[in-house]
Amino acid sequence: QVRVVESGGGLVQPGGSLRLSCAASVSDFSRYAMSWYRQAPGKQRELVAIITSSATTNYADSVKGRFTISRDNAKNTGYLRMDSLKPEDTAVYYCRLGAVFWGQGTQVTVSS
């Protein structure tokens, strides 16, 4: 049974930083792509960043240059470092492992 758990969300001022973590209980974590999505109230869930099993990364245009996705396969954990946060980054952030395994989300609020 695969479990995916996000952590690290919170309240931060514009221009601040947060690092989200995504811990997965799976025996073959390194074989999965890991991605981060976000969903703001009244909005559709959108892809933020993805890192493949070979560590190739891609980012949504809205976060390029500000967010960094990474993974530590030895810890079965992925990360999303968010810098220069903007109010429009406010959303629930979800981690996805592979195509079908989702975490419960962690709230990120960017506000002064």
N, C-alpha and C. Protein backbone atom coordinates (compact mmCIF):
# COMPACT_ATOMS: atom_id res chain seq x y z
N GLN A 1 0.84 -1.18 0.00
CA GLN A 1 0.00 0.00 0.00
C GLN A 1 0.89 1.24 0.00
N VAL A 2 0.64 2.14 -0.93
CA VAL A 2 1.44 3.35 -1.08
C VAL A 2 0.78 4.51 -0.34
N ARG A 3 1.55 5.19 0.47
CA ARG A 3 1.09 6.40 1.14
C ARG A 3 2.02 7.55 0.79
N VAL A 4 1.44 8.70 0.56
CA VAL A 4 2.17 9.91 0.21
C VAL A 4 1.72 11.01 1.16
N VAL A 5 2.67 11.63 1.84
CA VAL A 5 2.35 12.62 2.86
C VAL A 5 3.17 13.88 2.64
N GLU A 6 2.47 15.00 2.45
CA GLU A 6 3.13 16.29 2.31
C GLU A 6 3.27 16.98 3.66
N SER A 7 4.26 17.83 3.76
CA SER A 7 4.43 18.65 4.95
C SER A 7 5.21 19.90 4.57
N GLY A 8 5.22 20.86 5.47
CA GLY A 8 6.02 22.05 5.27
C GLY A 8 5.26 23.30 4.87
N GLY A 9 3.97 23.17 4.66
CA GLY A 9 3.19 24.34 4.31
C GLY A 9 3.03 25.28 5.50
N GLY A 10 2.52 26.46 5.21
CA GLY A 10 2.31 27.43 6.26
C GLY A 10 2.06 28.80 5.70
N LEU A 11 2.13 29.78 6.57
CA LEU A 11 1.92 31.18 6.22
C LEU A 11 3.26 31.86 6.05
N VAL A 12 3.42 32.56 4.94
CA VAL A 12 4.66 33.25 4.67
C VAL A 12 4.34 34.59 4.00
N GLN A 13 5.18 35.57 4.23
CA GLN A 13 5.00 36.87 3.61
C GLN A 13 5.47 36.86 2.16
N PRO A 14 4.90 37.73 1.33
CA PRO A 14 5.41 37.84 -0.04
C PRO A 14 6.92 38.06 -0.05
N GLY A 15 7.58 37.36 -0.96
CA GLY A 15 9.03 37.40 -1.03
C GLY A 15 9.72 36.37 -0.17
N GLY A 16 8.98 35.70 0.67
CA GLY A 16 9.54 34.69 1.54
C GLY A 16 9.71 33.35 0.87
N SER A 17 10.15 32.37 1.66
CA SER A 17 10.45 31.04 1.15
C SER A 17 9.84 29.96 2.04
N LEU A 18 9.56 28.84 1.42
CA LEU A 18 9.13 27.64 2.12
C LEU A 18 9.72 26.44 1.40
N ARG A 19 9.90 25.36 2.13
CA ARG A 19 10.25 24.09 1.52
C ARG A 19 9.23 23.05 1.91
N LEU A 20 8.59 22.49 0.90
CA LEU A 20 7.64 21.42 1.11
C LEU A 20 8.33 20.07 0.98
N SER A 21 7.87 19.11 1.75
CA SER A 21 8.39 17.76 1.69
C SER A 21 7.29 16.79 1.30
N CYS A 22 7.67 15.74 0.64
CA CYS A 22 6.74 14.70 0.21
C CYS A 22 7.37 13.36 0.55
N ALA A 23 6.86 12.73 1.59
CA ALA A 23 7.38 11.45 2.04
C ALA A 23 6.48 10.33 1.53
N ALA A 24 7.08 9.31 0.96
CA ALA A 24 6.33 8.22 0.37
C ALA A 24 6.71 6.89 1.00
N SER A 25 5.72 6.09 1.32
CA SER A 25 5.94 4.74 1.82
C SER A 25 5.78 3.77 0.66
N VAL A 26 6.87 3.57 -0.03
CA VAL A 26 6.87 2.70 -1.19
C VAL A 26 8.27 2.11 -1.32
N SER A 27 8.34 0.88 -1.78
CA SER A 27 9.63 0.19 -1.82
C SER A 27 10.50 0.60 -3.00
N ASP A 28 9.89 1.13 -4.04
CA ASP A 28 10.62 1.47 -5.25
C ASP A 28 10.43 2.94 -5.62
N PHE A 29 10.61 3.80 -4.65
CA PHE A 29 10.41 5.23 -4.82
C PHE A 29 11.19 5.78 -6.00
N SER A 30 12.40 5.31 -6.16
CA SER A 30 13.28 5.86 -7.19
C SER A 30 12.78 5.62 -8.61
N ARG A 31 11.87 4.69 -8.79
CA ARG A 31 11.36 4.38 -10.11
C ARG A 31 10.22 5.31 -10.55
N TYR A 32 9.68 6.07 -9.62
CA TYR A 32 8.55 6.93 -9.91
C TYR A 32 8.96 8.36 -10.20
N ALA A 33 8.29 8.96 -11.15
CA ALA A 33 8.33 10.41 -11.24
C ALA A 33 7.56 10.99 -10.06
N MET A 34 7.98 12.14 -9.61
CA MET A 34 7.30 12.83 -8.52
C MET A 34 6.96 14.23 -8.99
N SER A 35 5.75 14.65 -8.71
CA SER A 35 5.33 15.96 -9.15
C SER A 35 4.59 16.70 -8.04
N TRP A 36 4.56 18.01 -8.18
CA TRP A 36 3.80 18.87 -7.29
C TRP A 36 2.73 19.59 -8.09
N TYR A 37 1.54 19.58 -7.54
CA TYR A 37 0.40 20.31 -8.07
C TYR A 37 -0.09 21.29 -7.02
N ARG A 38 -0.86 22.25 -7.45
CA ARG A 38 -1.50 23.13 -6.49
C ARG A 38 -2.91 23.46 -6.94
N GLN A 39 -3.74 23.77 -5.97
CA GLN A 39 -5.12 24.12 -6.25
C GLN A 39 -5.55 25.24 -5.32
N ALA A 40 -5.88 26.36 -5.92
CA ALA A 40 -6.40 27.49 -5.19
C ALA A 40 -7.92 27.41 -5.15
N PRO A 41 -8.56 28.07 -4.18
CA PRO A 41 -10.03 28.03 -4.11
C PRO A 41 -10.67 28.48 -5.41
N GLY A 42 -11.61 27.69 -5.90
CA GLY A 42 -12.31 28.01 -7.12
C GLY A 42 -11.54 27.78 -8.39
N LYS A 43 -10.34 27.22 -8.27
CA LYS A 43 -9.49 26.99 -9.43
C LYS A 43 -9.27 25.50 -9.64
N GLN A 44 -8.90 25.14 -10.85
CA GLN A 44 -8.54 23.76 -11.14
C GLN A 44 -7.14 23.47 -10.62
N ARG A 45 -6.91 22.21 -10.32
CA ARG A 45 -5.59 21.79 -9.91
C ARG A 45 -4.63 21.92 -11.09
N GLU A 46 -3.45 22.48 -10.83
CA GLU A 46 -2.50 22.70 -11.89
C GLU A 46 -1.14 22.12 -11.53
N LEU A 47 -0.45 21.66 -12.54
CA LEU A 47 0.90 21.13 -12.35
C LEU A 47 1.87 22.27 -12.09
N VAL A 48 2.67 22.12 -11.05
CA VAL A 48 3.67 23.11 -10.68
C VAL A 48 5.06 22.69 -11.13
N ALA A 49 5.43 21.46 -10.84
CA ALA A 49 6.76 20.97 -11.16
C ALA A 49 6.77 19.46 -11.16
N ILE A 50 7.71 18.89 -11.89
CA ILE A 50 7.84 17.45 -11.94
C ILE A 50 9.32 17.09 -12.00
N ILE A 51 9.66 16.00 -11.35
CA ILE A 51 11.00 15.45 -11.45
C ILE A 51 10.86 13.97 -11.77
N THR A 52 11.54 13.54 -12.81
CA THR A 52 11.43 12.16 -13.25
C THR A 52 12.35 11.26 -12.45
N SER A 53 12.25 9.97 -12.73
CA SER A 53 13.12 9.01 -12.07
C SER A 53 14.59 9.23 -12.40
N SER A 54 14.85 9.86 -13.54
CA SER A 54 16.22 10.18 -13.93
C SER A 54 16.63 11.59 -13.54
N ALA A 55 15.78 12.26 -12.76
CA ALA A 55 16.06 13.58 -12.20
C ALA A 55 15.92 14.72 -13.20
N THR A 56 15.28 14.47 -14.32
CA THR A 56 14.92 15.56 -15.22
C THR A 56 13.78 16.36 -14.60
N THR A 57 13.86 17.67 -14.69
CA THR A 57 12.86 18.54 -14.07
C THR A 57 12.18 19.43 -15.09
N ASN A 58 10.93 19.75 -14.80
CA ASN A 58 10.18 20.72 -15.57
C ASN A 58 9.31 21.53 -14.62
N TYR A 59 9.04 22.76 -15.00
CA TYR A 59 8.30 23.68 -14.16
C TYR A 59 7.24 24.42 -14.96
N ALA A 60 6.17 24.75 -14.27
CA ALA A 60 5.20 25.66 -14.85
C ALA A 60 5.85 27.02 -15.06
N ASP A 61 5.44 27.71 -16.11
CA ASP A 61 6.03 29.02 -16.40
C ASP A 61 5.89 29.98 -15.22
N SER A 62 4.81 29.86 -14.49
CA SER A 62 4.54 30.78 -13.40
C SER A 62 5.52 30.65 -12.23
N VAL A 63 6.23 29.54 -12.15
CA VAL A 63 7.14 29.33 -11.03
C VAL A 63 8.59 29.17 -11.45
N LYS A 64 8.87 29.18 -12.74
CA LYS A 64 10.24 29.03 -13.21
C LYS A 64 11.14 30.12 -12.63
N GLY A 65 12.29 29.69 -12.16
CA GLY A 65 13.23 30.62 -11.56
C GLY A 65 12.99 30.88 -10.10
N ARG A 66 11.85 30.45 -9.58
CA ARG A 66 11.52 30.67 -8.17
C ARG A 66 11.41 29.38 -7.37
N PHE A 67 10.93 28.31 -8.01
CA PHE A 67 10.73 27.04 -7.34
C PHE A 67 11.77 26.03 -7.81
N THR A 68 12.15 25.13 -6.92
CA THR A 68 13.09 24.07 -7.25
C THR A 68 12.57 22.74 -6.73
N ILE A 69 12.39 21.79 -7.61
CA ILE A 69 11.97 20.46 -7.22
C ILE A 69 13.19 19.56 -7.12
N SER A 70 13.20 18.69 -6.13
CA SER A 70 14.32 17.77 -5.94
C SER A 70 13.82 16.51 -5.27
N ARG A 71 14.70 15.53 -5.18
CA ARG A 71 14.32 14.29 -4.53
C ARG A 71 15.53 13.66 -3.86
N ASP A 72 15.27 12.92 -2.80
CA ASP A 72 16.28 12.15 -2.10
C ASP A 72 15.77 10.72 -2.06
N ASN A 73 16.23 9.93 -2.99
CA ASN A 73 15.71 8.57 -3.11
C ASN A 73 16.03 7.70 -1.89
N ALA A 74 17.15 7.97 -1.25
CA ALA A 74 17.52 7.21 -0.06
C ALA A 74 16.55 7.43 1.08
N LYS A 75 15.88 8.58 1.08
CA LYS A 75 14.90 8.91 2.11
C LYS A 75 13.46 8.76 1.65
N ASN A 76 13.27 8.30 0.43
CA ASN A 76 11.92 8.20 -0.14
C ASN A 76 11.16 9.51 0.00
N THR A 77 11.85 10.59 -0.27
CA THR A 77 11.27 11.91 -0.06
C THR A 77 11.58 12.84 -1.22
N GLY A 78 10.58 13.60 -1.62
CA GLY A 78 10.74 14.66 -2.59
C GLY A 78 10.53 16.00 -1.93
N TYR A 79 10.99 17.05 -2.61
CA TYR A 79 10.94 18.39 -2.04
C TYR A 79 10.52 19.40 -3.09
N LEU A 80 9.94 20.47 -2.62
CA LEU A 80 9.70 21.63 -3.45
C LEU A 80 10.14 22.86 -2.67
N ARG A 81 11.24 23.45 -3.10
CA ARG A 81 11.71 24.69 -2.50
C ARG A 81 11.07 25.86 -3.24
N MET A 82 10.42 26.72 -2.50
CA MET A 82 9.70 27.84 -3.07
C MET A 82 10.32 29.13 -2.55
N ASP A 83 10.85 29.91 -3.46
CA ASP A 83 11.46 31.19 -3.13
C ASP A 83 10.67 32.31 -3.79
N SER A 84 10.89 33.51 -3.30
CA SER A 84 10.25 34.71 -3.86
C SER A 84 8.75 34.51 -4.02
N LEU A 85 8.14 34.03 -2.97
CA LEU A 85 6.72 33.68 -3.02
C LEU A 85 5.84 34.91 -3.24
N LYS A 86 4.78 34.68 -3.98
CA LYS A 86 3.82 35.72 -4.32
C LYS A 86 2.45 35.34 -3.79
N PRO A 87 1.58 36.31 -3.56
CA PRO A 87 0.22 35.97 -3.11
C PRO A 87 -0.49 34.98 -4.03
N GLU A 88 -0.23 35.06 -5.32
CA GLU A 88 -0.87 34.14 -6.25
C GLU A 88 -0.36 32.71 -6.14
N ASP A 89 0.68 32.48 -5.35
CA ASP A 89 1.13 31.12 -5.07
C ASP A 89 0.29 30.45 -3.98
N THR A 90 -0.59 31.20 -3.35
CA THR A 90 -1.44 30.65 -2.30
C THR A 90 -2.31 29.53 -2.86
N ALA A 91 -2.23 28.37 -2.24
CA ALA A 91 -2.97 27.20 -2.71
C ALA A 91 -2.70 26.04 -1.77
N VAL A 92 -3.46 24.98 -1.95
CA VAL A 92 -3.11 23.70 -1.36
C VAL A 92 -2.17 23.01 -2.34
N TYR A 93 -1.03 22.58 -1.85
CA TYR A 93 -0.04 21.93 -2.67
C TYR A 93 -0.08 20.43 -2.45
N TYR A 94 -0.16 19.69 -3.54
CA TYR A 94 -0.27 18.24 -3.51
C TYR A 94 0.93 17.60 -4.16
N CYS A 95 1.38 16.52 -3.57
CA CYS A 95 2.44 15.71 -4.15
C CYS A 95 1.81 14.51 -4.85
N ARG A 96 2.32 14.20 -6.04
CA ARG A 96 1.89 13.02 -6.76
C ARG A 96 3.09 12.14 -7.04
N LEU A 97 2.94 10.88 -6.74
CA LEU A 97 3.98 9.91 -7.01
C LEU A 97 3.51 9.03 -8.15
N GLY A 98 4.26 9.04 -9.24
CA GLY A 98 3.80 8.36 -10.42
C GLY A 98 2.53 9.00 -10.94
N ALA A 99 1.65 8.19 -11.47
CA ALA A 99 0.44 8.70 -12.08
C ALA A 99 -0.77 8.71 -11.17
N VAL A 100 -0.76 7.88 -10.12
CA VAL A 100 -2.01 7.67 -9.40
C VAL A 100 -1.94 7.83 -7.89
N PHE A 101 -0.77 8.07 -7.33
CA PHE A 101 -0.65 8.17 -5.88
C PHE A 101 -0.52 9.62 -5.46
N TRP A 102 -1.47 10.06 -4.68
CA TRP A 102 -1.55 11.45 -4.24
C TRP A 102 -1.48 11.58 -2.73
N GLY A 103 -0.85 12.66 -2.29
CA GLY A 103 -0.94 13.02 -0.89
C GLY A 103 -2.19 13.80 -0.60
N GLN A 104 -2.37 14.17 0.67
CA GLN A 104 -3.57 14.89 1.10
C GLN A 104 -3.46 16.39 0.93
N GLY A 105 -2.29 16.89 0.68
CA GLY A 105 -2.09 18.30 0.45
C GLY A 105 -1.62 19.05 1.68
N THR A 106 -0.94 20.15 1.44
CA THR A 106 -0.50 21.04 2.51
C THR A 106 -0.76 22.48 2.08
N GLN A 107 -1.31 23.25 2.98
CA GLN A 107 -1.72 24.62 2.66
C GLN A 107 -0.53 25.56 2.67
N VAL A 108 -0.41 26.33 1.61
CA VAL A 108 0.57 27.41 1.53
C VAL A 108 -0.19 28.71 1.36
N THR A 109 0.03 29.63 2.27
CA THR A 109 -0.62 30.93 2.20
C THR A 109 0.44 32.01 2.17
N VAL A 110 0.41 32.83 1.14
CA VAL A 110 1.36 33.93 0.98
C VAL A 110 0.58 35.22 1.16
N SER A 111 0.84 35.89 2.25
CA SER A 111 0.07 37.07 2.58
C SER A 111 0.86 37.97 3.51
N SER A 112 0.65 39.26 3.36
CA SER A 112 1.25 40.23 4.26
C SER A 112 0.34 40.53 5.45
